[in-house]
Protein backbone atom coordinates (compact mmCIF):
# COMPACT_ATOMS: atom_id res chain seq x y z
CA UNK A 1 0.00 0.00 0.00
CA UNK A 2 1.18 3.47 -0.86
CA UNK A 3 2.07 5.72 2.08
CA UNK A 4 1.41 9.47 2.32
CA UNK A 5 2.42 11.21 5.53
CA UNK A 6 0.66 14.43 4.49
CA UNK A 7 -2.75 12.76 4.91
CA UNK A 8 -3.89 11.96 8.49
CA UNK A 9 -4.90 8.38 7.59
CA UNK A 10 -1.43 7.84 6.17
CA UNK A 11 -2.30 6.99 2.56
CA UNK A 12 -3.68 8.71 -0.51
CA UNK A 13 -7.37 8.45 -1.31
CA UNK A 14 -8.60 6.05 -3.97
CA UNK A 15 -11.65 5.58 -6.15
CA UNK A 16 -12.57 2.71 -3.86
CA UNK A 17 -12.85 5.16 -0.94
CA UNK A 18 -15.41 7.16 -2.93
CA UNK A 19 -17.18 3.99 -4.08
CA UNK A 20 -17.68 2.84 -0.46
CA UNK A 21 -19.49 6.10 0.35
CA UNK A 22 -21.63 5.81 -2.78
CA UNK A 23 -22.47 2.19 -1.93
CA UNK A 24 -23.49 3.22 1.57
CA UNK A 25 -25.69 6.04 0.27
CA UNK A 26 -27.41 3.63 -2.15
CA UNK A 27 -28.17 1.23 0.71
CA UNK A 28 -31.50 1.49 2.56
CA UNK A 29 -29.56 1.85 5.83
CA UNK A 30 -28.74 5.42 4.78
CA UNK A 31 -32.33 6.39 3.97
CA UNK A 32 -32.49 8.97 6.77
CA UNK A 33 -29.55 10.95 5.35
CA UNK A 34 -30.78 13.85 3.23
CA UNK A 35 -29.11 16.95 1.80
CA UNK A 36 -25.72 16.20 3.32
CA UNK A 37 -22.17 16.72 2.15
CA UNK A 38 -19.93 13.83 3.12
CA UNK A 39 -16.25 14.78 2.86
CA UNK A 40 -14.07 11.84 1.84
CA UNK A 41 -10.74 13.43 2.67
CA UNK A 42 -8.85 11.03 4.90
CA UNK A 43 -9.04 13.61 7.69
CA UNK A 44 -7.54 16.52 5.75
CA UNK A 45 -10.68 18.62 6.28
CA UNK A 46 -10.43 18.27 10.07
CA UNK A 47 -6.72 18.11 10.84
CA UNK A 48 -5.79 20.48 8.02
CA UNK A 49 -7.38 23.28 10.04
CA UNK A 50 -5.16 22.45 13.01
CA UNK A 51 -1.97 22.45 10.95
CA UNK A 52 -2.78 25.86 9.38
CA UNK A 53 -3.28 27.50 12.78
PDB file of N, CA and C in Angstrom:
ATOM      1  N   UNK A   1       0.845  -1.190   0.000  1.00  0.00           N
ATOM      2  CA  UNK A   1       0.000   0.000   0.000  1.00  0.00           C
ATOM      3  C   UNK A   1       0.886   1.247   0.000  1.00  0.00           C
ATOM      4  N   UNK A   2       0.439   2.213  -0.768  1.00  0.00           N
ATOM      5  CA  UNK A   2       1.179   3.468  -0.858  1.00  0.00           C
ATOM      6  C   UNK A   2       1.024   4.259   0.441  1.00  0.00           C
ATOM      7  N   UNK A   3       2.067   4.936   0.843  1.00  0.00           N
ATOM      8  CA  UNK A   3       2.070   5.717   2.081  1.00  0.00           C
ATOM      9  C   UNK A   3       2.115   7.199   1.739  1.00  0.00           C
ATOM     10  N   UNK A   4       1.403   8.017   2.508  1.00  0.00           N
ATOM     11  CA  UNK A   4       1.406   9.466   2.321  1.00  0.00           C
ATOM     12  C   UNK A   4       1.295  10.123   3.693  1.00  0.00           C
ATOM     13  N   UNK A   5       2.396  10.612   4.195  1.00  0.00           N
ATOM     14  CA  UNK A   5       2.422  11.208   5.530  1.00  0.00           C
ATOM     15  C   UNK A   5       1.742  12.564   5.603  1.00  0.00           C
ATOM     16  N   UNK A   6       1.345  13.132   4.466  1.00  0.00           N
ATOM     17  CA  UNK A   6       0.658  14.426   4.489  1.00  0.00           C
ATOM     18  C   UNK A   6      -0.840  14.274   4.734  1.00  0.00           C
ATOM     19  N   UNK A   7      -1.331  13.044   4.681  1.00  0.00           N
ATOM     20  CA  UNK A   7      -2.750  12.765   4.914  1.00  0.00           C
ATOM     21  C   UNK A   7      -2.871  12.079   6.276  1.00  0.00           C
ATOM     22  N   UNK A   8      -3.788  12.543   7.150  1.00  0.00           N
ATOM     23  CA  UNK A   8      -3.893  11.958   8.488  1.00  0.00           C
ATOM     24  C   UNK A   8      -4.075  10.449   8.527  1.00  0.00           C
ATOM     25  N   UNK A   9      -4.757   9.841   7.561  1.00  0.00           N
ATOM     26  CA  UNK A   9      -4.905   8.383   7.590  1.00  0.00           C
ATOM     27  C   UNK A   9      -3.668   7.670   7.074  1.00  0.00           C
ATOM     28  N   UNK A  10      -2.712   8.422   6.548  1.00  0.00           N
ATOM     29  CA  UNK A  10      -1.426   7.843   6.173  1.00  0.00           C
ATOM     30  C   UNK A  10      -1.323   7.276   4.772  1.00  0.00           C
ATOM     31  N   UNK A  11      -2.346   7.492   3.938  1.00  0.00           N
ATOM     32  CA  UNK A  11      -2.297   6.994   2.563  1.00  0.00           C
ATOM     33  C   UNK A  11      -3.132   7.906   1.684  1.00  0.00           C
ATOM     34  N   UNK A  12      -2.863   7.891   0.396  1.00  0.00           N
ATOM     35  CA  UNK A  12      -3.677   8.713  -0.513  1.00  0.00           C
ATOM     36  C   UNK A  12      -5.063   8.095  -0.692  1.00  0.00           C
ATOM     37  N   UNK A  13      -6.021   8.932  -1.045  1.00  0.00           N
ATOM     38  CA  UNK A  13      -7.369   8.448  -1.312  1.00  0.00           C
ATOM     39  C   UNK A  13      -7.430   7.701  -2.635  1.00  0.00           C
ATOM     40  N   UNK A  14      -8.428   6.841  -2.753  1.00  0.00           N
ATOM     41  CA  UNK A  14      -8.604   6.053  -3.971  1.00  0.00           C
ATOM     42  C   UNK A  14     -10.052   6.146  -4.447  1.00  0.00           C
ATOM     43  N   UNK A  15     -10.285   5.677  -5.649  1.00  0.00           N
ATOM     44  CA  UNK A  15     -11.649   5.584  -6.146  1.00  0.00           C
ATOM     45  C   UNK A  15     -12.483   4.645  -5.300  1.00  0.00           C
ATOM     46  N   UNK A  16     -11.842   3.640  -4.729  1.00  0.00           N
ATOM     47  CA  UNK A  16     -12.569   2.707  -3.862  1.00  0.00           C
ATOM     48  C   UNK A  16     -13.101   3.410  -2.614  1.00  0.00           C
ATOM     49  N   UNK A  17     -12.367   4.387  -2.095  1.00  0.00           N
ATOM     50  CA  UNK A  17     -12.846   5.155  -0.944  1.00  0.00           C
ATOM     51  C   UNK A  17     -14.151   5.878  -1.292  1.00  0.00           C
ATOM     52  N   UNK A  18     -14.197   6.471  -2.470  1.00  0.00           N
ATOM     53  CA  UNK A  18     -15.412   7.159  -2.927  1.00  0.00           C
ATOM     54  C   UNK A  18     -16.522   6.141  -3.164  1.00  0.00           C
ATOM     55  N   UNK A  19     -16.178   5.014  -3.777  1.00  0.00           N
ATOM     56  CA  UNK A  19     -17.176   3.986  -4.083  1.00  0.00           C
ATOM     57  C   UNK A  19     -17.843   3.458  -2.811  1.00  0.00           C
ATOM     58  N   UNK A  20     -17.087   3.332  -1.719  1.00  0.00           N
ATOM     59  CA  UNK A  20     -17.683   2.842  -0.464  1.00  0.00           C
ATOM     60  C   UNK A  20     -18.741   3.808   0.050  1.00  0.00           C
ATOM     61  N   UNK A  21     -18.491   5.109  -0.079  1.00  0.00           N
ATOM     62  CA  UNK A  21     -19.486   6.098   0.351  1.00  0.00           C
ATOM     63  C   UNK A  21     -20.717   6.026  -0.550  1.00  0.00           C
ATOM     64  N   UNK A  22     -20.507   5.919  -1.846  1.00  0.00           N
ATOM     65  CA  UNK A  22     -21.628   5.811  -2.783  1.00  0.00           C
ATOM     66  C   UNK A  22     -22.445   4.555  -2.496  1.00  0.00           C
ATOM     67  N   UNK A  23     -21.769   3.437  -2.252  1.00  0.00           N
ATOM     68  CA  UNK A  23     -22.466   2.189  -1.930  1.00  0.00           C
ATOM     69  C   UNK A  23     -23.300   2.347  -0.676  1.00  0.00           C
ATOM     70  N   UNK A  24     -22.744   2.986   0.335  1.00  0.00           N
ATOM     71  CA  UNK A  24     -23.489   3.221   1.568  1.00  0.00           C
ATOM     72  C   UNK A  24     -24.720   4.088   1.306  1.00  0.00           C
ATOM     73  N   UNK A  25     -24.563   5.151   0.526  1.00  0.00           N
ATOM     74  CA  UNK A  25     -25.692   6.041   0.268  1.00  0.00           C
ATOM     75  C   UNK A  25     -26.789   5.373  -0.564  1.00  0.00           C
ATOM     76  N   UNK A  26     -26.422   4.384  -1.352  1.00  0.00           N
ATOM     77  CA  UNK A  26     -27.409   3.633  -2.148  1.00  0.00           C
ATOM     78  C   UNK A  26     -28.121   2.570  -1.326  1.00  0.00           C
ATOM     79  N   UNK A  27     -27.597   2.258  -0.152  1.00  0.00           N
ATOM     80  CA  UNK A  27     -28.169   1.230   0.706  1.00  0.00           C
ATOM     81  C   UNK A  27     -29.334   1.827   1.510  1.00  0.00           C
ATOM     82  N   UNK A  28     -30.345   1.000   1.792  1.00  0.00           N
ATOM     83  CA  UNK A  28     -31.496   1.489   2.564  1.00  0.00           C
ATOM     84  C   UNK A  28     -31.123   1.908   3.983  1.00  0.00           C
ATOM     85  N   UNK A  29     -29.979   1.452   4.476  1.00  0.00           N
ATOM     86  CA  UNK A  29     -29.556   1.846   5.828  1.00  0.00           C
ATOM     87  C   UNK A  29     -29.231   3.339   5.918  1.00  0.00           C
ATOM     88  N   UNK A  30     -29.048   3.993   4.773  1.00  0.00           N
ATOM     89  CA  UNK A  30     -28.736   5.422   4.782  1.00  0.00           C
ATOM     90  C   UNK A  30     -29.952   6.266   4.415  1.00  0.00           C
ATOM     91  N   UNK A  31     -31.153   5.691   4.459  1.00  0.00           N
ATOM     92  CA  UNK A  31     -32.334   6.395   3.965  1.00  0.00           C
ATOM     93  C   UNK A  31     -32.727   7.619   4.784  1.00  0.00           C
ATOM     94  N   UNK A  32     -32.158   7.802   5.947  1.00  0.00           N
ATOM     95  CA  UNK A  32     -32.485   8.974   6.767  1.00  0.00           C
ATOM     96  C   UNK A  32     -31.521  10.134   6.507  1.00  0.00           C
ATOM     97  N   UNK A  33     -30.503   9.906   5.705  1.00  0.00           N
ATOM     98  CA  UNK A  33     -29.548  10.949   5.352  1.00  0.00           C
ATOM     99  C   UNK A  33     -30.101  11.707   4.155  1.00  0.00           C
ATOM    100  N   UNK A  34     -30.276  13.019   4.327  1.00  0.00           N
ATOM    101  CA  UNK A  34     -30.783  13.851   3.232  1.00  0.00           C
ATOM    102  C   UNK A  34     -30.001  15.156   3.182  1.00  0.00           C
ATOM    103  N   UNK A  35     -29.728  15.638   1.989  1.00  0.00           N
ATOM    104  CA  UNK A  35     -29.115  16.950   1.800  1.00  0.00           C
ATOM    105  C   UNK A  35     -27.798  17.133   2.525  1.00  0.00           C
ATOM    106  N   UNK A  36     -26.971  16.126   2.576  1.00  0.00           N
ATOM    107  CA  UNK A  36     -25.717  16.204   3.316  1.00  0.00           C
ATOM    108  C   UNK A  36     -24.516  16.183   2.380  1.00  0.00           C
ATOM    109  N   UNK A  37     -23.458  16.809   2.826  1.00  0.00           N
ATOM    110  CA  UNK A  37     -22.167  16.723   2.147  1.00  0.00           C
ATOM    111  C   UNK A  37     -21.299  15.813   3.000  1.00  0.00           C
ATOM    112  N   UNK A  38     -20.770  14.772   2.390  1.00  0.00           N
ATOM    113  CA  UNK A  38     -19.931  13.830   3.121  1.00  0.00           C
ATOM    114  C   UNK A  38     -18.508  13.955   2.585  1.00  0.00           C
ATOM    115  N   UNK A  39     -17.636  14.637   3.325  1.00  0.00           N
ATOM    116  CA  UNK A  39     -16.254  14.775   2.860  1.00  0.00           C
ATOM    117  C   UNK A  39     -15.512  13.448   2.945  1.00  0.00           C
ATOM    118  N   UNK A  40     -14.891  13.061   1.868  1.00  0.00           N
ATOM    119  CA  UNK A  40     -14.074  11.844   1.841  1.00  0.00           C
ATOM    120  C   UNK A  40     -12.648  12.322   1.631  1.00  0.00           C
ATOM    121  N   UNK A  41     -12.019  12.726   2.747  1.00  0.00           N
ATOM    122  CA  UNK A  41     -10.736  13.434   2.667  1.00  0.00           C
ATOM    123  C   UNK A  41      -9.613  12.773   3.445  1.00  0.00           C
ATOM    124  N   UNK A  42      -9.889  11.670   4.098  1.00  0.00           N
ATOM    125  CA  UNK A  42      -8.852  11.031   4.899  1.00  0.00           C
ATOM    126  C   UNK A  42      -8.455  11.849   6.117  1.00  0.00           C
ATOM    127  N   UNK A  43      -9.307  12.779   6.518  1.00  0.00           N
ATOM    128  CA  UNK A  43      -9.037  13.611   7.694  1.00  0.00           C
ATOM    129  C   UNK A  43      -8.441  14.968   7.383  1.00  0.00           C
ATOM    130  N   UNK A  44      -8.157  15.233   6.111  1.00  0.00           N
ATOM    131  CA  UNK A  44      -7.543  16.517   5.748  1.00  0.00           C
ATOM    132  C   UNK A  44      -8.447  17.696   6.083  1.00  0.00           C
ATOM    133  N   UNK A  45      -9.753  17.525   5.989  1.00  0.00           N
ATOM    134  CA  UNK A  45     -10.675  18.622   6.279  1.00  0.00           C
ATOM    135  C   UNK A  45     -10.689  18.980   7.770  1.00  0.00           C
ATOM    136  N   UNK A  46     -10.428  18.027   8.629  1.00  0.00           N
ATOM    137  CA  UNK A  46     -10.431  18.268  10.071  1.00  0.00           C
ATOM    138  C   UNK A  46      -9.043  18.680  10.557  1.00  0.00           C
ATOM    139  N   UNK A  47      -8.068  17.839  10.324  1.00  0.00           N
ATOM    140  CA  UNK A  47      -6.721  18.109  10.839  1.00  0.00           C
ATOM    141  C   UNK A  47      -6.006  19.191  10.048  1.00  0.00           C
ATOM    142  N   UNK A  48      -6.404  19.409   8.803  1.00  0.00           N
ATOM    143  CA  UNK A  48      -5.794  20.484   8.015  1.00  0.00           C
ATOM    144  C   UNK A  48      -5.984  21.826   8.659  1.00  0.00           C
ATOM    145  N   UNK A  49      -7.104  22.018   9.343  1.00  0.00           N
ATOM    146  CA  UNK A  49      -7.385  23.279  10.042  1.00  0.00           C
ATOM    147  C   UNK A  49      -6.419  23.463  11.216  1.00  0.00           C
ATOM    148  N   UNK A  50      -6.076  22.381  11.860  1.00  0.00           N
ATOM    149  CA  UNK A  50      -5.163  22.454  13.014  1.00  0.00           C
ATOM    150  C   UNK A  50      -3.772  22.835  12.549  1.00  0.00           C
ATOM    151  N   UNK A  51      -3.318  22.213  11.438  1.00  0.00           N
ATOM    152  CA  UNK A  51      -1.975  22.452  10.953  1.00  0.00           C
ATOM    153  C   UNK A  51      -1.789  23.869  10.415  1.00  0.00           C
ATOM    154  N   UNK A  52      -2.864  24.504   9.927  1.00  0.00           N
ATOM    155  CA  UNK A  52      -2.784  25.862   9.383  1.00  0.00           C
ATOM    156  C   UNK A  52      -2.722  26.906  10.481  1.00  0.00           C
ATOM    157  N   UNK A  53      -3.211  26.554  11.669  1.00  0.00           N
ATOM    158  CA  UNK A  53      -3.279  27.504  12.783  1.00  0.00           C
ATOM    159  C   UNK A  53      -1.916  27.863  13.324  1.00  0.00           C
TER     160      UNK A  53
END
